[in-house]
């Protein structure tokens, strides 16, 4: 078993209920959930987290999901990729 903080946490926030093929907790499809398991590197997983963020925005669950995902990252001792995404968005607006 790995050490705390060695892998980027999954976008799953433990509200696993599908509605029309999409999880209402994280906004991912079954195919996207499988992609997480198949991703071999943190870079690939970061891309999947950002994909999840876009899905959450389109479903109107981003604020809740992002807060829960940030909490999960802190608990695992990892920086949250969403923080970088939001800093880049703020820089682009300036």
Protein backbone atom coordinates (compact mmCIF):
# COMPACT_ATOMS: atom_id res chain seq x y z
CA UNK A 1 0.00 0.00 0.00
CA UNK A 2 1.30 3.45 -0.90
CA UNK A 3 2.08 6.34 1.39
CA UNK A 4 -0.41 9.10 2.12
CA UNK A 5 -0.43 11.59 -0.72
CA UNK A 6 1.32 9.43 -3.30
CA UNK A 7 -1.53 9.44 -5.85
CA UNK A 8 -3.94 12.11 -6.97
CA UNK A 9 -7.35 11.36 -5.41
CA UNK A 10 -10.22 10.26 -7.60
CA UNK A 11 -12.86 12.88 -8.48
CA UNK A 12 -15.43 10.66 -6.74
CA UNK A 13 -16.92 12.38 -3.68
CA UNK A 14 -18.87 9.30 -2.52
CA UNK A 15 -22.28 10.37 -3.78
CA UNK A 16 -22.54 7.62 -6.34
CA UNK A 17 -25.94 7.77 -7.96
CA UNK A 18 -26.40 7.68 -11.70
CA UNK A 19 -29.01 9.76 -13.43
CA UNK A 20 -29.25 9.16 -17.16
CA UNK A 21 -25.80 7.56 -17.19
CA UNK A 22 -24.05 10.39 -15.31
CA UNK A 23 -23.10 10.38 -11.62
CA UNK A 24 -24.90 13.16 -9.74
CA UNK A 25 -21.94 13.51 -7.34
CA UNK A 26 -19.03 13.98 -9.73
CA UNK A 27 -20.61 14.30 -13.17
CA UNK A 28 -18.72 11.36 -14.68
CA UNK A 29 -19.99 8.56 -16.88
CA UNK A 30 -19.07 4.91 -16.37
CA UNK A 31 -16.58 5.22 -19.22
CA UNK A 32 -14.90 8.21 -17.52
CA UNK A 33 -14.77 6.32 -14.22
CA UNK A 34 -13.01 3.44 -15.99
CA UNK A 35 -10.57 5.91 -17.58
CA UNK A 36 -9.49 6.93 -14.07
CA UNK A 37 -8.55 3.36 -13.22
CA UNK A 38 -6.66 3.02 -16.51
CA UNK A 39 -4.74 6.32 -16.16
CA UNK A 40 -1.12 5.53 -15.40
CA UNK A 41 0.24 8.92 -14.37
CA UNK A 42 -0.75 11.92 -12.30
CA UNK A 43 -0.65 14.06 -15.44
CA UNK A 44 -3.27 11.84 -17.08
CA UNK A 45 -5.33 11.89 -13.89
CA UNK A 46 -5.10 15.69 -13.66
CA UNK A 47 -6.54 15.90 -17.17
CA UNK A 48 -9.40 13.66 -16.08
CA UNK A 49 -10.06 15.84 -13.01
CA UNK A 50 -10.25 18.91 -15.26
CA UNK A 51 -12.63 17.03 -17.55
CA UNK A 52 -14.73 16.21 -14.50
CA UNK A 53 -14.72 19.88 -13.50
CA UNK A 54 -16.13 20.86 -16.89
CA UNK A 55 -18.84 18.20 -16.61
CA UNK A 56 -19.71 19.42 -13.09
CA UNK A 57 -20.00 22.99 -14.37
CA UNK A 58 -22.36 21.96 -17.15
CA UNK A 59 -24.50 20.03 -14.64
CA UNK A 60 -24.59 22.92 -12.17
CA UNK A 61 -22.86 20.95 -9.40
CA UNK A 62 -19.38 22.48 -9.68
CA UNK A 63 -19.33 24.56 -6.48
CA UNK A 64 -20.39 21.64 -4.31
CA UNK A 65 -18.24 19.06 -6.10
CA UNK A 66 -15.16 21.31 -6.14
CA UNK A 67 -15.44 22.00 -2.41
CA UNK A 68 -15.72 18.31 -1.61
CA UNK A 69 -12.87 17.41 -3.98
CA UNK A 70 -10.59 20.06 -2.46
CA UNK A 71 -11.34 18.65 0.99
CA UNK A 72 -10.46 15.17 -0.27
CA UNK A 73 -7.16 16.41 -1.72
CA UNK A 74 -6.23 18.13 1.56
CA UNK A 75 -7.05 14.98 3.50
CA UNK A 76 -4.76 12.99 1.19
CA UNK A 77 -2.00 15.58 1.48
CA UNK A 78 -2.13 16.59 -2.19
CA UNK A 79 -2.42 19.90 -3.99
CA UNK A 80 -5.73 20.16 -5.78
CA UNK A 81 -5.50 20.52 -9.59
CA UNK A 82 -8.59 22.74 -9.47
CA UNK A 83 -6.58 25.45 -7.74
CA UNK A 84 -4.21 25.69 -10.71
CA UNK A 85 -7.13 25.73 -13.12
CA UNK A 86 -8.79 28.62 -11.28
CA UNK A 87 -5.53 30.60 -11.05
CA UNK A 88 -5.09 30.25 -14.82
CA UNK A 89 -8.68 31.39 -15.41
CA UNK A 90 -8.18 34.46 -13.19
CA UNK A 91 -4.93 35.32 -14.99
CA UNK A 92 -6.68 35.06 -18.36
CA UNK A 93 -9.38 37.50 -17.20
CA UNK A 94 -6.79 40.09 -16.07
